[in-house]
Amino acid sequence: MRCRTMPETCGICGETVPFDATVHAMIHTHSETGVIDAYVCQDCYDEQLGPMFERVDTQEQSP
């Protein structure tokens, strides 16, 4: 396990943040790129990644 205060670079904005302030994102692209495995800061997750998954949850619940 990583040290909670060890810095990570956000895969979206490039900001350096403490590890315990990150979200681990793993996305399989089904392309030559393969799997994107990155840490993103909480702000980027809240503003950019999180809303994408909220839409998926909403669509699955629609009749």
PDB file of N, CA and C in Angstrom:
ATOM      1  N   MET A   1       0.843  -1.186   0.000  1.00  0.00           N
ATOM      2  CA  MET A   1       0.000   0.000   0.000  1.00  0.00           C
ATOM      3  C   MET A   1       0.886   1.246   0.000  1.00  0.00           C
ATOM      4  N   ARG A   2       0.445   2.241  -0.708  1.00  0.00           N
ATOM      5  CA  ARG A   2       1.212   3.481  -0.791  1.00  0.00           C
ATOM      6  C   ARG A   2       1.066   4.301   0.481  1.00  0.00           C
ATOM      7  N   CYS A   3       2.086   5.077   0.765  1.00  0.00           N
ATOM      8  CA  CYS A   3       2.037   6.001   1.896  1.00  0.00           C
ATOM      9  C   CYS A   3       0.960   7.048   1.622  1.00  0.00           C
ATOM     10  N   ARG A   4       0.118   7.314   2.604  1.00  0.00           N
ATOM     11  CA  ARG A   4      -1.017   8.218   2.424  1.00  0.00           C
ATOM     12  C   ARG A   4      -0.594   9.634   2.055  1.00  0.00           C
ATOM     13  N   THR A   5       0.616  10.030   2.417  1.00  0.00           N
ATOM     14  CA  THR A   5       1.046  11.390   2.121  1.00  0.00           C
ATOM     15  C   THR A   5       1.974  11.465   0.909  1.00  0.00           C
ATOM     16  N   MET A   6       2.281  10.335   0.325  1.00  0.00           N
ATOM     17  CA  MET A   6       3.138  10.310  -0.859  1.00  0.00           C
ATOM     18  C   MET A   6       2.434  11.062  -1.996  1.00  0.00           C
ATOM     19  N   PRO A   7       3.116  11.965  -2.671  1.00  0.00           N
ATOM     20  CA  PRO A   7       2.444  12.743  -3.725  1.00  0.00           C
ATOM     21  C   PRO A   7       2.172  11.932  -4.984  1.00  0.00           C
ATOM     22  N   GLU A   8       1.063  12.256  -5.628  1.00  0.00           N
ATOM     23  CA  GLU A   8       0.686  11.685  -6.917  1.00  0.00           C
ATOM     24  C   GLU A   8       0.391  12.836  -7.861  1.00  0.00           C
ATOM     25  N   THR A   9       0.600  12.625  -9.136  1.00  0.00           N
ATOM     26  CA  THR A   9       0.263  13.620 -10.140  1.00  0.00           C
ATOM     27  C   THR A   9      -1.091  13.254 -10.730  1.00  0.00           C
ATOM     28  N   CYS A  10      -2.005  14.216 -10.741  1.00  0.00           N
ATOM     29  CA  CYS A  10      -3.336  13.989 -11.296  1.00  0.00           C
ATOM     30  C   CYS A  10      -3.209  13.717 -12.794  1.00  0.00           C
ATOM     31  N   GLY A  11      -3.851  12.643 -13.245  1.00  0.00           N
ATOM     32  CA  GLY A  11      -3.813  12.268 -14.657  1.00  0.00           C
ATOM     33  C   GLY A  11      -4.624  13.181 -15.553  1.00  0.00           C
ATOM     34  N   ILE A  12      -5.373  14.125 -14.969  1.00  0.00           N
ATOM     35  CA  ILE A  12      -6.169  15.052 -15.780  1.00  0.00           C
ATOM     36  C   ILE A  12      -5.547  16.446 -15.782  1.00  0.00           C
ATOM     37  N   CYS A  13      -5.385  17.042 -14.610  1.00  0.00           N
ATOM     38  CA  CYS A  13      -4.908  18.433 -14.555  1.00  0.00           C
ATOM     39  C   CYS A  13      -3.402  18.563 -14.339  1.00  0.00           C
ATOM     40  N   GLY A  14      -2.745  17.462 -13.931  1.00  0.00           N
ATOM     41  CA  GLY A  14      -1.297  17.503 -13.730  1.00  0.00           C
ATOM     42  C   GLY A  14      -0.871  18.028 -12.371  1.00  0.00           C
ATOM     43  N   GLU A  15      -1.826  18.402 -11.534  1.00  0.00           N
ATOM     44  CA  GLU A  15      -1.533  18.907 -10.193  1.00  0.00           C
ATOM     45  C   GLU A  15      -0.939  17.790  -9.338  1.00  0.00           C
ATOM     46  N   THR A  16       0.012  18.119  -8.474  1.00  0.00           N
ATOM     47  CA  THR A  16       0.572  17.155  -7.536  1.00  0.00           C
ATOM     48  C   THR A  16      -0.209  17.255  -6.236  1.00  0.00           C
ATOM     49  N   VAL A  17      -0.783  16.120  -5.811  1.00  0.00           N
ATOM     50  CA  VAL A  17      -1.618  16.091  -4.608  1.00  0.00           C
ATOM     51  C   VAL A  17      -1.216  14.892  -3.747  1.00  0.00           C
ATOM     52  N   PRO A  18      -1.520  14.927  -2.435  1.00  0.00           N
ATOM     53  CA  PRO A  18      -1.225  13.767  -1.589  1.00  0.00           C
ATOM     54  C   PRO A  18      -2.018  12.548  -2.065  1.00  0.00           C
ATOM     55  N   PHE A  19      -1.440  11.376  -1.919  1.00  0.00           N
ATOM     56  CA  PHE A  19      -2.075  10.144  -2.371  1.00  0.00           C
ATOM     57  C   PHE A  19      -3.474   9.972  -1.793  1.00  0.00           C
ATOM     58  N   ASP A  20      -3.655  10.324  -0.519  1.00  0.00           N
ATOM     59  CA  ASP A  20      -4.969  10.125   0.102  1.00  0.00           C
ATOM     60  C   ASP A  20      -6.014  11.131  -0.377  1.00  0.00           C
ATOM     61  N   ALA A  21      -5.635  12.028  -1.300  1.00  0.00           N
ATOM     62  CA  ALA A  21      -6.585  12.979  -1.889  1.00  0.00           C
ATOM     63  C   ALA A  21      -6.823  12.649  -3.366  1.00  0.00           C
ATOM     64  N   THR A  22      -6.572  11.381  -3.738  1.00  0.00           N
ATOM     65  CA  THR A  22      -6.746  10.972  -5.128  1.00  0.00           C
ATOM     66  C   THR A  22      -7.832   9.915  -5.265  1.00  0.00           C
ATOM     67  N   VAL A  23      -8.277   9.738  -6.495  1.00  0.00           N
ATOM     68  CA  VAL A  23      -9.188   8.660  -6.868  1.00  0.00           C
ATOM     69  C   VAL A  23      -8.460   7.826  -7.912  1.00  0.00           C
ATOM     70  N   HIS A  24      -8.483   6.510  -7.752  1.00  0.00           N
ATOM     71  CA  HIS A  24      -7.823   5.623  -8.708  1.00  0.00           C
ATOM     72  C   HIS A  24      -8.790   5.372  -9.859  1.00  0.00           C
ATOM     73  N   ALA A  25      -8.366   5.680 -11.070  1.00  0.00           N
ATOM     74  CA  ALA A  25      -9.205   5.481 -12.259  1.00  0.00           C
ATOM     75  C   ALA A  25      -8.529   4.486 -13.190  1.00  0.00           C
ATOM     76  N   MET A  26      -9.272   3.459 -13.584  1.00  0.00           N
ATOM     77  CA  MET A  26      -8.761   2.472 -14.528  1.00  0.00           C
ATOM     78  C   MET A  26      -9.816   2.311 -15.613  1.00  0.00           C
ATOM     79  N   ILE A  27      -9.422   2.605 -16.851  1.00  0.00           N
ATOM     80  CA  ILE A  27     -10.363   2.590 -17.972  1.00  0.00           C
ATOM     81  C   ILE A  27      -9.805   1.712 -19.078  1.00  0.00           C
ATOM     82  N   HIS A  28     -10.578   0.729 -19.481  1.00  0.00           N
ATOM     83  CA  HIS A  28     -10.178  -0.139 -20.593  1.00  0.00           C
ATOM     84  C   HIS A  28     -10.738   0.482 -21.868  1.00  0.00           C
ATOM     85  N   THR A  29      -9.858   0.882 -22.768  1.00  0.00           N
ATOM     86  CA  THR A  29     -10.274   1.620 -23.961  1.00  0.00           C
ATOM     87  C   THR A  29     -10.698   0.728 -25.127  1.00  0.00           C
ATOM     88  N   HIS A  30     -10.425  -0.554 -25.043  1.00  0.00           N
ATOM     89  CA  HIS A  30     -10.693  -1.471 -26.167  1.00  0.00           C
ATOM     90  C   HIS A  30     -10.044  -0.954 -27.455  1.00  0.00           C
ATOM     91  N   SER A  31      -8.857  -0.417 -27.323  1.00  0.00           N
ATOM     92  CA  SER A  31      -8.105   0.081 -28.473  1.00  0.00           C
ATOM     93  C   SER A  31      -6.640  -0.285 -28.278  1.00  0.00           C
ATOM     94  N   GLU A  32      -5.795   0.189 -29.170  1.00  0.00           N
ATOM     95  CA  GLU A  32      -4.358  -0.058 -29.034  1.00  0.00           C
ATOM     96  C   GLU A  32      -3.791   0.573 -27.767  1.00  0.00           C
ATOM     97  N   THR A  33      -4.464   1.604 -27.259  1.00  0.00           N
ATOM     98  CA  THR A  33      -4.023   2.254 -26.022  1.00  0.00           C
ATOM     99  C   THR A  33      -4.105   1.283 -24.853  1.00  0.00           C
ATOM    100  N   GLY A  34      -5.075   0.382 -24.903  1.00  0.00           N
ATOM    101  CA  GLY A  34      -5.233  -0.604 -23.836  1.00  0.00           C
ATOM    102  C   GLY A  34      -5.895   0.003 -22.608  1.00  0.00           C
ATOM    103  N   VAL A  35      -5.328  -0.284 -21.446  1.00  0.00           N
ATOM    104  CA  VAL A  35      -5.891   0.182 -20.179  1.00  0.00           C
ATOM    105  C   VAL A  35      -5.186   1.458 -19.741  1.00  0.00           C
ATOM    106  N   ILE A  36      -5.973   2.457 -19.392  1.00  0.00           N
ATOM    107  CA  ILE A  36      -5.436   3.687 -18.819  1.00  0.00           C
ATOM    108  C   ILE A  36      -5.575   3.546 -17.313  1.00  0.00           C
ATOM    109  N   ASP A  37      -4.480   3.622 -16.612  1.00  0.00           N
ATOM    110  CA  ASP A  37      -4.449   3.443 -15.166  1.00  0.00           C
ATOM    111  C   ASP A  37      -3.840   4.703 -14.574  1.00  0.00           C
ATOM    112  N   ALA A  38      -4.650   5.502 -13.894  1.00  0.00           N
ATOM    113  CA  ALA A  38      -4.163   6.791 -13.408  1.00  0.00           C
ATOM    114  C   ALA A  38      -4.808   7.154 -12.081  1.00  0.00           C
ATOM    115  N   TYR A  39      -4.166   8.056 -11.390  1.00  0.00           N
ATOM    116  CA  TYR A  39      -4.749   8.669 -10.206  1.00  0.00           C
ATOM    117  C   TYR A  39      -5.191  10.070 -10.610  1.00  0.00           C
ATOM    118  N   VAL A  40      -6.353  10.482 -10.147  1.00  0.00           N
ATOM    119  CA  VAL A  40      -6.838  11.824 -10.423  1.00  0.00           C
ATOM    120  C   VAL A  40      -7.181  12.496  -9.099  1.00  0.00           C
ATOM    121  N   CYS A  41      -7.032  13.813  -9.058  1.00  0.00           N
ATOM    122  CA  CYS A  41      -7.362  14.535  -7.834  1.00  0.00           C
ATOM    123  C   CYS A  41      -8.885  14.530  -7.638  1.00  0.00           C
ATOM    124  N   GLN A  42      -9.299  14.742  -6.411  1.00  0.00           N
ATOM    125  CA  GLN A  42     -10.723  14.698  -6.089  1.00  0.00           C
ATOM    126  C   GLN A  42     -11.512  15.729  -6.890  1.00  0.00           C
ATOM    127  N   ASP A  43     -10.944  16.926  -7.087  1.00  0.00           N
ATOM    128  CA  ASP A  43     -11.642  17.966  -7.858  1.00  0.00           C
ATOM    129  C   ASP A  43     -11.905  17.512  -9.294  1.00  0.00           C
ATOM    130  N   CYS A  44     -10.896  16.931  -9.954  1.00  0.00           N
ATOM    131  CA  CYS A  44     -11.090  16.463 -11.333  1.00  0.00           C
ATOM    132  C   CYS A  44     -12.090  15.317 -11.375  1.00  0.00           C
ATOM    133  N   TYR A  45     -12.042  14.449 -10.384  1.00  0.00           N
ATOM    134  CA  TYR A  45     -13.029  13.367 -10.351  1.00  0.00           C
ATOM    135  C   TYR A  45     -14.437  13.954 -10.217  1.00  0.00           C
ATOM    136  N   ASP A  46     -14.605  14.860  -9.253  1.00  0.00           N
ATOM    137  CA  ASP A  46     -15.926  15.445  -8.998  1.00  0.00           C
ATOM    138  C   ASP A  46     -16.459  16.216 -10.205  1.00  0.00           C
ATOM    139  N   GLU A  47     -15.559  16.916 -10.911  1.00  0.00           N
ATOM    140  CA  GLU A  47     -15.990  17.776 -12.012  1.00  0.00           C
ATOM    141  C   GLU A  47     -16.064  17.055 -13.363  1.00  0.00           C
ATOM    142  N   GLN A  48     -15.205  16.045 -13.577  1.00  0.00           N
ATOM    143  CA  GLN A  48     -15.117  15.466 -14.915  1.00  0.00           C
ATOM    144  C   GLN A  48     -15.469  13.982 -14.995  1.00  0.00           C
ATOM    145  N   LEU A  49     -14.928  13.165 -14.110  1.00  0.00           N
ATOM    146  CA  LEU A  49     -15.193  11.730 -14.209  1.00  0.00           C
ATOM    147  C   LEU A  49     -16.484  11.313 -13.507  1.00  0.00           C
ATOM    148  N   GLY A  50     -16.681  11.762 -12.297  1.00  0.00           N
ATOM    149  CA  GLY A  50     -17.851  11.372 -11.509  1.00  0.00           C
ATOM    150  C   GLY A  50     -19.168  11.589 -12.228  1.00  0.00           C
ATOM    151  N   PRO A  51     -19.388  12.755 -12.825  1.00  0.00           N
ATOM    152  CA  PRO A  51     -20.656  12.991 -13.520  1.00  0.00           C
ATOM    153  C   PRO A  51     -20.937  11.991 -14.650  1.00  0.00           C
ATOM    154  N   MET A  52     -19.904  11.469 -15.301  1.00  0.00           N
ATOM    155  CA  MET A  52     -20.123  10.477 -16.361  1.00  0.00           C
ATOM    156  C   MET A  52     -20.767   9.219 -15.786  1.00  0.00           C
ATOM    157  N   PHE A  53     -20.342   8.819 -14.610  1.00  0.00           N
ATOM    158  CA  PHE A  53     -20.874   7.601 -14.005  1.00  0.00           C
ATOM    159  C   PHE A  53     -22.235   7.837 -13.377  1.00  0.00           C
ATOM    160  N   GLU A  54     -22.511   9.059 -12.960  1.00  0.00           N
ATOM    161  CA  GLU A  54     -23.842   9.384 -12.456  1.00  0.00           C
ATOM    162  C   GLU A  54     -24.862   9.269 -13.584  1.00  0.00           C
ATOM    163  N   ARG A  55     -24.497   9.694 -14.780  1.00  0.00           N
ATOM    164  CA  ARG A  55     -25.397   9.577 -15.931  1.00  0.00           C
ATOM    165  C   ARG A  55     -25.670   8.111 -16.257  1.00  0.00           C
ATOM    166  N   VAL A  56     -24.660   7.267 -16.161  1.00  0.00           N
ATOM    167  CA  VAL A  56     -24.835   5.846 -16.424  1.00  0.00           C
ATOM    168  C   VAL A  56     -25.802   5.266 -15.402  1.00  0.00           C
ATOM    169  N   ASP A  57     -25.628   5.596 -14.120  1.00  0.00           N
ATOM    170  CA  ASP A  57     -26.525   5.102 -13.074  1.00  0.00           C
ATOM    171  C   ASP A  57     -27.950   5.551 -13.333  1.00  0.00           C
ATOM    172  N   THR A  58     -28.131   6.785 -13.745  1.00  0.00           N
ATOM    173  CA  THR A  58     -29.462   7.326 -14.017  1.00  0.00           C
ATOM    174  C   THR A  58     -30.098   6.615 -15.204  1.00  0.00           C
ATOM    175  N   GLN A  59     -29.327   6.375 -16.259  1.00  0.00           N
ATOM    176  CA  GLN A  59     -29.850   5.715 -17.455  1.00  0.00           C
ATOM    177  C   GLN A  59     -30.273   4.283 -17.148  1.00  0.00           C
ATOM    178  N   GLU A  60     -29.516   3.587 -16.295  1.00  0.00           N
ATOM    179  CA  GLU A  60     -29.849   2.206 -15.970  1.00  0.00           C
ATOM    180  C   GLU A  60     -31.148   2.118 -15.171  1.00  0.00           C
ATOM    181  N   GLN A  61     -31.487   3.165 -14.420  1.00  0.00           N
ATOM    182  CA  GLN A  61     -32.679   3.149 -13.586  1.00  0.00           C
ATOM    183  C   GLN A  61     -33.920   3.604 -14.340  1.00  0.00           C
ATOM    184  N   SER A  62     -33.755   4.171 -15.528  1.00  0.00           N
ATOM    185  CA  SER A  62     -34.903   4.645 -16.300  1.00  0.00           C
ATOM    186  C   SER A  62     -35.755   3.466 -16.767  1.00  0.00           C
ATOM    187  N   PRO A  63     -37.089   3.627 -16.774  1.00  0.00           N
ATOM    188  CA  PRO A  63     -37.973   2.532 -17.215  1.00  0.00           C
ATOM    189  C   PRO A  63     -37.888   2.285 -18.706  1.00  0.00           C
TER     190      PRO A  63
END
